[in-house]
Amino acid sequence: MKARISGTKPVLREQGFKYGNYEDKFGIVAGTDENNCVKIRILMDEIISVPMQYVVLLNPMLTGEHIVSVVEKITGCEYTVVKFRPLECGLKLRGKRGSKIDENLRTDWLFIVL
């Protein structure tokens, strides 16, 4: 899934996460480590472990994006956005031909995958 690192900047006497050097960087979630931090691939050769509170998974914003759902009955199902709306997206199962909408789900229940 695609993610953004946010909320890491130093505040008052707190040094922040990595001094805020990764603030607003985008990357791909590569798993978790033994400390329950999220491993994020920033560049081809750079993977960093980021505490969960600094990781923001990205919701779809365009037609044609590939996404995964986090709704109870269809968690993990992959779809392609056929019709984008800020509050609800029309989706078809990923890899399925045609533009027929298979599901309509709330945008905040969906996260971008590559």
Protein backbone atom coordinates (compact mmCIF):
# COMPACT_ATOMS: atom_id res chain seq x y z
CA MET A 1 0.00 0.00 0.00
CA LYS A 2 1.07 3.55 -0.60
CA ALA A 3 1.73 5.67 2.51
CA ARG A 4 2.85 9.13 3.60
CA ILE A 5 4.92 9.91 6.69
CA SER A 6 3.34 12.72 8.71
CA GLY A 7 3.54 14.36 12.16
CA THR A 8 7.27 13.78 12.65
CA LYS A 9 8.54 17.35 13.00
CA PRO A 10 10.16 18.45 16.27
CA VAL A 11 7.85 20.32 18.67
CA LEU A 12 9.25 22.40 21.56
CA ARG A 13 11.73 20.13 23.38
CA GLU A 14 10.73 16.95 21.57
CA GLN A 15 13.12 15.96 18.80
CA GLY A 16 10.38 14.36 16.70
CA PHE A 17 10.83 11.19 14.69
CA LYS A 18 14.23 11.31 12.95
CA TYR A 19 14.21 15.11 13.51
CA GLY A 20 11.39 15.46 10.96
CA ASN A 21 13.70 14.54 8.07
CA TYR A 22 11.09 12.21 6.59
CA GLU A 23 8.09 14.53 7.00
CA ASP A 24 5.70 14.33 4.00
CA LYS A 25 7.77 11.64 2.25
CA PHE A 26 5.84 9.03 0.30
CA GLY A 27 6.66 5.35 0.14
CA ILE A 28 5.39 1.81 -0.12
CA VAL A 29 4.50 -0.28 2.95
CA ALA A 30 6.87 -3.26 3.01
CA GLY A 31 5.64 -4.91 6.22
CA THR A 32 6.28 -4.52 9.94
CA ASP A 33 9.30 -5.14 12.14
CA GLU A 34 9.72 -6.77 15.56
CA ASN A 35 8.80 -3.49 17.32
CA ASN A 36 5.46 -3.22 15.46
CA CYS A 37 6.78 -0.33 13.41
CA VAL A 38 5.83 -0.08 9.74
CA LYS A 39 8.64 -0.69 7.26
CA ILE A 40 8.35 1.84 4.44
CA ARG A 41 10.38 1.76 1.24
CA ILE A 42 11.22 5.39 0.48
CA LEU A 43 13.67 4.84 -2.35
CA MET A 44 14.73 1.69 -4.16
CA ASP A 45 17.54 1.13 -1.65
CA GLU A 46 16.10 2.79 1.49
CA ILE A 47 13.67 1.12 3.87
CA ILE A 48 12.95 2.76 7.22
CA SER A 49 10.94 1.60 10.23
CA VAL A 50 8.33 4.18 11.20
CA PRO A 51 6.09 4.06 14.31
CA MET A 52 2.43 3.54 13.36
CA GLN A 53 1.30 6.98 14.58
CA TYR A 54 3.35 8.65 11.80
CA VAL A 55 2.02 6.51 8.92
CA VAL A 56 -0.92 7.70 6.82
CA LEU A 57 -2.28 5.26 4.23
CA LEU A 58 -3.49 7.03 1.11
CA ASN A 59 -7.08 6.97 -0.11
CA PRO A 60 -7.82 7.01 -3.85
CA MET A 61 -8.07 10.37 -5.59
CA LEU A 62 -8.33 9.40 -9.28
CA THR A 63 -10.16 7.08 -11.60
CA GLY A 64 -7.99 4.12 -12.64
CA GLU A 65 -6.15 3.71 -9.33
CA HIS A 66 -5.77 0.21 -7.92
CA ILE A 67 -7.01 -0.06 -4.36
CA VAL A 68 -7.67 -2.54 -1.57
CA SER A 69 -10.76 -2.41 0.66
CA VAL A 70 -10.87 -2.55 4.46
CA VAL A 71 -14.57 -3.33 4.84
CA GLU A 72 -15.30 -6.32 7.09
CA LYS A 73 -16.81 -8.73 4.55
CA ILE A 74 -14.47 -7.82 1.67
CA THR A 75 -11.26 -6.84 3.46
CA GLY A 76 -8.26 -7.34 1.20
CA CYS A 77 -10.22 -7.46 -2.08
CA GLU A 78 -8.45 -5.55 -4.83
CA TYR A 79 -10.38 -3.22 -7.09
CA THR A 80 -9.85 -0.57 -9.76
CA VAL A 81 -11.59 2.79 -9.33
CA VAL A 82 -14.03 3.20 -12.23
CA LYS A 83 -15.91 6.23 -10.91
CA PHE A 84 -14.28 8.55 -8.36
CA ARG A 85 -16.26 10.74 -6.00
CA PRO A 86 -14.85 12.31 -2.81
CA LEU A 87 -17.20 10.33 -0.53
CA GLU A 88 -17.83 7.15 -2.54
CA CYS A 89 -16.10 5.32 -5.39
CA GLY A 90 -17.51 3.00 -8.02
CA LEU A 91 -15.24 -0.04 -8.25
CA LYS A 92 -14.68 -3.08 -10.42
CA LEU A 93 -12.71 -6.15 -9.40
CA ARG A 94 -9.05 -5.76 -10.34
CA GLY A 95 -8.20 -7.56 -13.56
CA LYS A 96 -11.83 -7.77 -14.67
CA ARG A 97 -12.55 -6.34 -18.12
CA GLY A 98 -15.16 -3.72 -18.86
CA SER A 99 -16.28 -0.69 -16.94
CA LYS A 100 -19.25 -2.19 -15.11
CA ILE A 101 -19.28 -1.18 -11.44
CA ASP A 102 -19.13 -4.18 -9.09
CA GLU A 103 -19.18 -2.28 -5.79
CA ASN A 104 -19.78 1.23 -4.48
CA LEU A 105 -17.76 1.86 -1.31
CA ARG A 106 -16.90 4.84 0.87
CA THR A 107 -13.60 6.42 -0.22
CA ASP A 108 -12.21 6.39 3.33
CA TRP A 109 -12.55 2.56 3.38
CA LEU A 110 -10.16 2.26 0.42
CA PHE A 111 -6.37 2.46 0.20
CA ILE A 112 -4.08 2.71 -2.82
CA VAL A 113 -1.95 -0.30 -3.80
CA LEU A 114 0.54 -0.56 -6.63
